[in-house]
């Protein structure tokens, strides 16, 4: 398994509260959801970047 690192970012307190609550409702950790979202964003943007360089 790849080594994990700490990623830091700032969001409004209300956004964090809503995110934390929804993660709890879905029985997911905030870390796992953030990683999923980052990977999805990377996949979409790396593909778009590749398409632009063709």
Protein backbone atom coordinates (compact mmCIF):
# COMPACT_ATOMS: atom_id res chain seq x y z
CA UNK A 1 0.00 0.00 0.00
CA UNK A 2 1.19 3.48 -0.83
CA UNK A 3 2.30 5.76 2.01
CA UNK A 4 -0.39 8.25 3.02
CA UNK A 5 0.33 11.93 3.64
CA UNK A 6 -1.52 14.81 5.25
CA UNK A 7 -3.31 17.25 2.92
CA UNK A 8 -4.59 20.51 4.34
CA UNK A 9 -7.23 22.87 3.02
CA UNK A 10 -9.68 25.47 4.25
CA UNK A 11 -13.45 25.55 3.80
CA UNK A 12 -16.24 27.44 5.50
CA UNK A 13 -17.22 25.99 8.86
CA UNK A 14 -20.75 25.29 7.59
CA UNK A 15 -19.36 23.28 4.65
CA UNK A 16 -17.22 21.21 7.02
CA UNK A 17 -20.18 20.57 9.31
CA UNK A 18 -22.40 19.44 6.44
CA UNK A 19 -19.61 17.28 5.01
CA UNK A 20 -18.88 15.67 8.38
CA UNK A 21 -22.58 14.97 8.97
CA UNK A 22 -23.12 13.43 5.53
CA UNK A 23 -20.03 11.25 5.89
CA UNK A 24 -21.39 9.99 9.22
CA UNK A 25 -24.80 9.29 7.67
CA UNK A 26 -23.11 7.33 4.86
CA UNK A 27 -20.81 5.56 7.36
CA UNK A 28 -17.76 6.91 5.52
CA UNK A 29 -14.68 8.66 6.83
CA UNK A 30 -14.05 12.20 5.70
CA UNK A 31 -10.59 11.05 4.55
CA UNK A 32 -11.98 8.34 2.28
CA UNK A 33 -14.53 10.67 0.69
CA UNK A 34 -11.92 13.39 0.15
CA UNK A 35 -9.57 10.90 -1.50
CA UNK A 36 -12.39 9.64 -3.74
CA UNK A 37 -13.26 13.20 -4.79
CA UNK A 38 -9.63 14.14 -5.44
CA UNK A 39 -9.06 11.02 -7.55
CA UNK A 40 -12.22 11.70 -9.57
CA UNK A 41 -11.15 15.32 -10.14
CA UNK A 42 -7.67 14.21 -11.22
CA UNK A 43 -9.07 11.63 -13.61
CA UNK A 44 -11.39 14.17 -15.25
CA UNK A 45 -8.77 16.89 -15.51
CA UNK A 46 -5.89 14.68 -16.60
CA UNK A 47 -8.09 13.32 -19.40
CA UNK A 48 -9.08 16.85 -20.44
CA UNK A 49 -5.42 17.90 -20.38
CA UNK A 50 -4.48 14.94 -22.59
CA UNK A 51 -7.26 15.82 -25.03
CA UNK A 52 -6.00 19.42 -25.26
CA UNK A 53 -2.46 18.35 -26.14
CA UNK A 54 -3.55 16.20 -29.09
